[in-house]
Amino acid sequence: MNIVCVAACTAGIAHTYIAREKLIKGAHALGHTIHVETQGTIGTETELTREAIAAADVVILAVDVKIKGEERFQGKPIVRVKTEVVIKSPVKFLEKVADSLARA
């Protein structure tokens, strides 16, 4: 599965980056490709490219706040989740996403 993700928490500090790391490790453990953009107190980092978005099978929005640029994902399957969910169980969460895409 090819995944693009945006991570953003209320404070834009800890949970944003922890969620990013957990999603990357979880995706790699399952053999998926993932690109994660963060939107935090210092702005947008590792911004997703048009090419990465176009190639994605799914968009994961691991966010606790409204993000910038959500319109970029129009036409793509989008899964919204709180950062705490991906921090606690990234592999389990990604398995559920893969299962739901397989059934779609």
N, C-alpha and C. Protein backbone atom coordinates (compact mmCIF):
# COMPACT_ATOMS: atom_id res chain seq x y z
N MET A 1 0.85 -1.18 0.00
CA MET A 1 0.00 0.00 0.00
C MET A 1 0.90 1.24 0.00
N ASN A 2 0.52 2.21 -0.79
CA ASN A 2 1.25 3.48 -0.87
C ASN A 2 0.43 4.52 -0.11
N ILE A 3 1.00 5.07 0.95
CA ILE A 3 0.27 5.94 1.87
C ILE A 3 0.90 7.34 1.89
N VAL A 4 0.03 8.36 1.90
CA VAL A 4 0.48 9.70 2.25
C VAL A 4 -0.31 10.10 3.49
N CYS A 5 0.34 10.89 4.34
CA CYS A 5 -0.26 11.22 5.62
C CYS A 5 0.10 12.64 6.02
N VAL A 6 -0.83 13.25 6.76
CA VAL A 6 -0.54 14.52 7.41
C VAL A 6 -0.74 14.29 8.90
N ALA A 7 0.23 14.70 9.71
CA ALA A 7 0.12 14.61 11.16
C ALA A 7 0.12 16.01 11.74
N ALA A 8 -0.84 16.26 12.64
CA ALA A 8 -0.94 17.57 13.29
C ALA A 8 -1.71 17.42 14.59
N CYS A 9 -1.15 17.95 15.68
CA CYS A 9 -1.83 17.88 16.97
C CYS A 9 -2.19 19.29 17.44
N THR A 10 -2.90 19.36 18.53
CA THR A 10 -3.38 20.64 19.05
C THR A 10 -2.25 21.61 19.32
N ALA A 11 -1.22 21.15 20.01
CA ALA A 11 -0.09 22.03 20.32
C ALA A 11 0.90 22.14 19.17
N GLY A 12 0.88 21.14 18.29
CA GLY A 12 1.80 21.15 17.15
C GLY A 12 3.22 20.85 17.52
N ILE A 13 3.39 20.12 18.62
CA ILE A 13 4.74 19.80 19.06
C ILE A 13 4.88 18.27 19.16
N ALA A 14 4.75 17.72 20.33
CA ALA A 14 5.08 16.32 20.58
C ALA A 14 4.25 15.31 19.78
N HIS A 15 2.93 15.33 19.92
CA HIS A 15 2.11 14.29 19.29
C HIS A 15 2.24 14.29 17.77
N THR A 16 2.44 15.45 17.18
CA THR A 16 2.61 15.52 15.72
C THR A 16 3.79 14.66 15.29
N TYR A 17 4.91 14.83 15.95
CA TYR A 17 6.13 14.12 15.55
C TYR A 17 6.16 12.68 16.01
N ILE A 18 5.56 12.40 17.15
CA ILE A 18 5.46 11.01 17.61
C ILE A 18 4.57 10.22 16.65
N ALA A 19 3.43 10.81 16.27
CA ALA A 19 2.53 10.15 15.32
C ALA A 19 3.25 9.88 14.00
N ARG A 20 4.02 10.84 13.54
CA ARG A 20 4.79 10.67 12.29
C ARG A 20 5.72 9.47 12.40
N GLU A 21 6.50 9.42 13.46
CA GLU A 21 7.46 8.32 13.63
C GLU A 21 6.77 6.96 13.76
N LYS A 22 5.69 6.91 14.53
CA LYS A 22 4.97 5.65 14.71
C LYS A 22 4.37 5.16 13.39
N LEU A 23 3.80 6.08 12.61
CA LEU A 23 3.23 5.69 11.32
C LEU A 23 4.31 5.20 10.36
N ILE A 24 5.44 5.86 10.33
CA ILE A 24 6.53 5.43 9.46
C ILE A 24 7.02 4.04 9.86
N LYS A 25 7.26 3.83 11.15
CA LYS A 25 7.73 2.51 11.61
C LYS A 25 6.69 1.43 11.36
N GLY A 26 5.42 1.74 11.63
CA GLY A 26 4.35 0.77 11.42
C GLY A 26 4.19 0.41 9.95
N ALA A 27 4.23 1.41 9.08
CA ALA A 27 4.10 1.16 7.64
C ALA A 27 5.25 0.32 7.12
N HIS A 28 6.45 0.63 7.53
CA HIS A 28 7.62 -0.14 7.09
C HIS A 28 7.56 -1.57 7.60
N ALA A 29 7.09 -1.75 8.83
CA ALA A 29 6.97 -3.10 9.39
C ALA A 29 5.99 -3.96 8.58
N LEU A 30 5.00 -3.31 7.97
CA LEU A 30 4.00 -4.03 7.18
C LEU A 30 4.34 -4.05 5.69
N GLY A 31 5.47 -3.47 5.32
CA GLY A 31 5.89 -3.47 3.92
C GLY A 31 5.23 -2.40 3.05
N HIS A 32 4.68 -1.37 3.66
CA HIS A 32 4.03 -0.28 2.93
C HIS A 32 5.01 0.87 2.71
N THR A 33 4.71 1.68 1.72
CA THR A 33 5.44 2.91 1.46
C THR A 33 4.64 4.04 2.08
N ILE A 34 5.32 4.97 2.76
CA ILE A 34 4.61 6.07 3.40
C ILE A 34 5.41 7.36 3.32
N HIS A 35 4.70 8.45 3.12
CA HIS A 35 5.26 9.80 3.16
C HIS A 35 4.40 10.58 4.14
N VAL A 36 5.04 11.21 5.13
CA VAL A 36 4.29 11.92 6.16
C VAL A 36 4.70 13.39 6.22
N GLU A 37 3.71 14.25 6.07
CA GLU A 37 3.88 15.69 6.22
C GLU A 37 3.47 16.05 7.64
N THR A 38 4.21 16.95 8.27
CA THR A 38 3.79 17.44 9.58
C THR A 38 3.41 18.90 9.47
N GLN A 39 2.38 19.26 10.23
CA GLN A 39 1.96 20.65 10.34
C GLN A 39 1.95 20.97 11.82
N GLY A 40 2.97 21.73 12.26
CA GLY A 40 3.12 22.03 13.68
C GLY A 40 3.40 23.49 13.94
N THR A 41 3.93 23.75 15.10
CA THR A 41 4.18 25.13 15.51
C THR A 41 5.21 25.83 14.62
N ILE A 42 6.09 25.06 13.98
CA ILE A 42 7.09 25.69 13.11
C ILE A 42 6.68 25.64 11.64
N GLY A 43 5.41 25.33 11.40
CA GLY A 43 4.90 25.30 10.03
C GLY A 43 4.86 23.90 9.45
N THR A 44 4.81 23.83 8.14
CA THR A 44 4.74 22.55 7.43
C THR A 44 6.14 22.04 7.16
N GLU A 45 6.34 20.77 7.50
CA GLU A 45 7.62 20.11 7.22
C GLU A 45 7.38 18.86 6.40
N THR A 46 8.35 18.48 5.62
CA THR A 46 8.29 17.32 4.72
C THR A 46 6.98 17.34 3.92
N GLU A 47 6.72 18.49 3.29
CA GLU A 47 5.48 18.68 2.54
C GLU A 47 5.32 17.61 1.47
N LEU A 48 4.12 17.09 1.35
CA LEU A 48 3.83 16.06 0.37
C LEU A 48 3.87 16.65 -1.03
N THR A 49 4.49 15.94 -1.95
CA THR A 49 4.56 16.40 -3.34
C THR A 49 3.30 15.97 -4.09
N ARG A 50 3.04 16.63 -5.20
CA ARG A 50 1.91 16.24 -6.05
C ARG A 50 2.07 14.80 -6.52
N GLU A 51 3.31 14.43 -6.83
CA GLU A 51 3.58 13.09 -7.31
C GLU A 51 3.27 12.04 -6.24
N ALA A 52 3.68 12.31 -5.00
CA ALA A 52 3.40 11.37 -3.91
C ALA A 52 1.90 11.23 -3.69
N ILE A 53 1.19 12.34 -3.73
CA ILE A 53 -0.27 12.30 -3.55
C ILE A 53 -0.93 11.53 -4.68
N ALA A 54 -0.51 11.79 -5.91
CA ALA A 54 -1.09 11.11 -7.07
C ALA A 54 -0.87 9.60 -7.01
N ALA A 55 0.28 9.18 -6.50
CA ALA A 55 0.61 7.75 -6.43
C ALA A 55 -0.01 7.05 -5.23
N ALA A 56 -0.56 7.80 -4.30
CA ALA A 56 -1.06 7.21 -3.05
C ALA A 56 -2.33 6.39 -3.26
N ASP A 57 -2.40 5.28 -2.53
CA ASP A 57 -3.61 4.47 -2.48
C ASP A 57 -4.59 5.03 -1.46
N VAL A 58 -4.05 5.71 -0.45
CA VAL A 58 -4.88 6.23 0.64
C VAL A 58 -4.19 7.45 1.27
N VAL A 59 -5.02 8.34 1.80
CA VAL A 59 -4.54 9.50 2.54
C VAL A 59 -4.96 9.31 3.99
N ILE A 60 -4.01 9.38 4.91
CA ILE A 60 -4.32 9.29 6.33
C ILE A 60 -4.12 10.68 6.93
N LEU A 61 -5.16 11.18 7.57
CA LEU A 61 -5.07 12.46 8.27
C LEU A 61 -5.07 12.15 9.76
N ALA A 62 -3.87 12.06 10.33
CA ALA A 62 -3.70 11.81 11.77
C ALA A 62 -3.63 13.18 12.42
N VAL A 63 -4.81 13.74 12.66
CA VAL A 63 -4.88 15.14 13.07
C VAL A 63 -5.86 15.34 14.22
N ASP A 64 -5.55 16.33 15.04
CA ASP A 64 -6.42 16.74 16.14
C ASP A 64 -6.94 18.16 15.90
N VAL A 65 -6.51 18.77 14.82
CA VAL A 65 -6.88 20.14 14.46
C VAL A 65 -7.13 20.23 12.96
N LYS A 66 -7.69 21.34 12.51
CA LYS A 66 -7.87 21.57 11.08
C LYS A 66 -6.50 21.79 10.45
N ILE A 67 -6.31 21.21 9.28
CA ILE A 67 -5.02 21.35 8.59
C ILE A 67 -5.16 22.22 7.35
N LYS A 68 -4.02 22.65 6.84
CA LYS A 68 -3.97 23.44 5.61
C LYS A 68 -3.81 22.49 4.42
N GLY A 69 -4.45 22.84 3.33
CA GLY A 69 -4.22 22.11 2.08
C GLY A 69 -4.95 20.80 1.93
N GLU A 70 -6.02 20.60 2.66
CA GLU A 70 -6.74 19.33 2.57
C GLU A 70 -7.33 19.10 1.18
N GLU A 71 -7.59 20.17 0.45
CA GLU A 71 -8.16 20.05 -0.89
C GLU A 71 -7.24 19.29 -1.85
N ARG A 72 -5.97 19.19 -1.52
CA ARG A 72 -5.00 18.45 -2.36
C ARG A 72 -5.38 16.99 -2.51
N PHE A 73 -6.16 16.48 -1.58
CA PHE A 73 -6.46 15.05 -1.53
C PHE A 73 -7.79 14.69 -2.17
N GLN A 74 -8.41 15.64 -2.82
CA GLN A 74 -9.71 15.41 -3.46
C GLN A 74 -9.62 14.22 -4.41
N GLY A 75 -10.59 13.32 -4.30
CA GLY A 75 -10.64 12.14 -5.16
C GLY A 75 -9.90 10.94 -4.61
N LYS A 76 -9.19 11.10 -3.52
CA LYS A 76 -8.45 10.01 -2.88
C LYS A 76 -9.23 9.48 -1.68
N PRO A 77 -9.11 8.19 -1.37
CA PRO A 77 -9.71 7.71 -0.13
C PRO A 77 -9.00 8.37 1.06
N ILE A 78 -9.79 8.92 1.99
CA ILE A 78 -9.22 9.61 3.14
C ILE A 78 -9.67 8.92 4.41
N VAL A 79 -8.71 8.66 5.31
CA VAL A 79 -9.00 8.09 6.62
C VAL A 79 -8.57 9.12 7.65
N ARG A 80 -9.52 9.53 8.49
CA ARG A 80 -9.23 10.50 9.55
C ARG A 80 -9.09 9.74 10.87
N VAL A 81 -8.07 10.14 11.64
CA VAL A 81 -7.82 9.47 12.90
C VAL A 81 -7.14 10.45 13.86
N LYS A 82 -7.39 10.30 15.13
CA LYS A 82 -6.73 11.13 16.14
C LYS A 82 -5.27 10.67 16.28
N THR A 83 -4.39 11.60 16.61
CA THR A 83 -2.97 11.23 16.75
C THR A 83 -2.77 10.17 17.83
N GLU A 84 -3.55 10.21 18.90
CA GLU A 84 -3.36 9.25 19.99
C GLU A 84 -3.60 7.82 19.53
N VAL A 85 -4.48 7.61 18.55
CA VAL A 85 -4.75 6.26 18.05
C VAL A 85 -3.53 5.71 17.33
N VAL A 86 -2.92 6.50 16.45
CA VAL A 86 -1.75 6.00 15.73
C VAL A 86 -0.52 5.91 16.62
N ILE A 87 -0.48 6.69 17.67
CA ILE A 87 0.64 6.60 18.61
C ILE A 87 0.54 5.30 19.42
N LYS A 88 -0.67 4.95 19.85
CA LYS A 88 -0.86 3.75 20.68
C LYS A 88 -0.78 2.46 19.87
N SER A 89 -1.36 2.43 18.67
CA SER A 89 -1.46 1.17 17.91
C SER A 89 -1.27 1.41 16.41
N PRO A 90 -0.10 1.83 16.00
CA PRO A 90 0.08 2.15 14.57
C PRO A 90 -0.09 0.96 13.64
N VAL A 91 0.44 -0.19 14.02
CA VAL A 91 0.35 -1.37 13.14
C VAL A 91 -1.10 -1.83 13.03
N LYS A 92 -1.76 -1.93 14.15
CA LYS A 92 -3.17 -2.35 14.16
C LYS A 92 -4.02 -1.39 13.32
N PHE A 93 -3.79 -0.09 13.49
CA PHE A 93 -4.52 0.91 12.71
C PHE A 93 -4.27 0.72 11.22
N LEU A 94 -3.01 0.58 10.82
CA LEU A 94 -2.68 0.43 9.40
C LEU A 94 -3.24 -0.87 8.83
N GLU A 95 -3.29 -1.91 9.62
CA GLU A 95 -3.90 -3.17 9.17
C GLU A 95 -5.39 -2.96 8.88
N LYS A 96 -6.07 -2.20 9.74
CA LYS A 96 -7.49 -1.91 9.51
C LYS A 96 -7.69 -1.09 8.25
N VAL A 97 -6.81 -0.13 8.02
CA VAL A 97 -6.90 0.68 6.80
C VAL A 97 -6.73 -0.21 5.58
N ALA A 98 -5.73 -1.08 5.58
CA ALA A 98 -5.49 -1.99 4.45
C ALA A 98 -6.69 -2.90 4.22
N ASP A 99 -7.27 -3.43 5.30
CA ASP A 99 -8.43 -4.29 5.19
C ASP A 99 -9.62 -3.55 4.57
N SER A 100 -9.84 -2.33 5.01
CA SER A 100 -10.99 -1.56 4.50
C SER A 100 -10.79 -1.21 3.02
N LEU A 101 -9.56 -0.95 2.61
CA LEU A 101 -9.29 -0.67 1.19
C LEU A 101 -9.47 -1.91 0.34
N ALA A 102 -9.08 -3.05 0.88
CA ALA A 102 -9.20 -4.30 0.15
C ALA A 102 -10.67 -4.66 -0.11
N ARG A 103 -11.53 -4.26 0.81
CA ARG A 103 -12.96 -4.55 0.69
C ARG A 103 -13.68 -3.53 -0.18
N ALA A 104 -13.05 -2.40 -0.42
CA ALA A 104 -13.72 -1.32 -1.19
C ALA A 104 -13.72 -1.61 -2.67
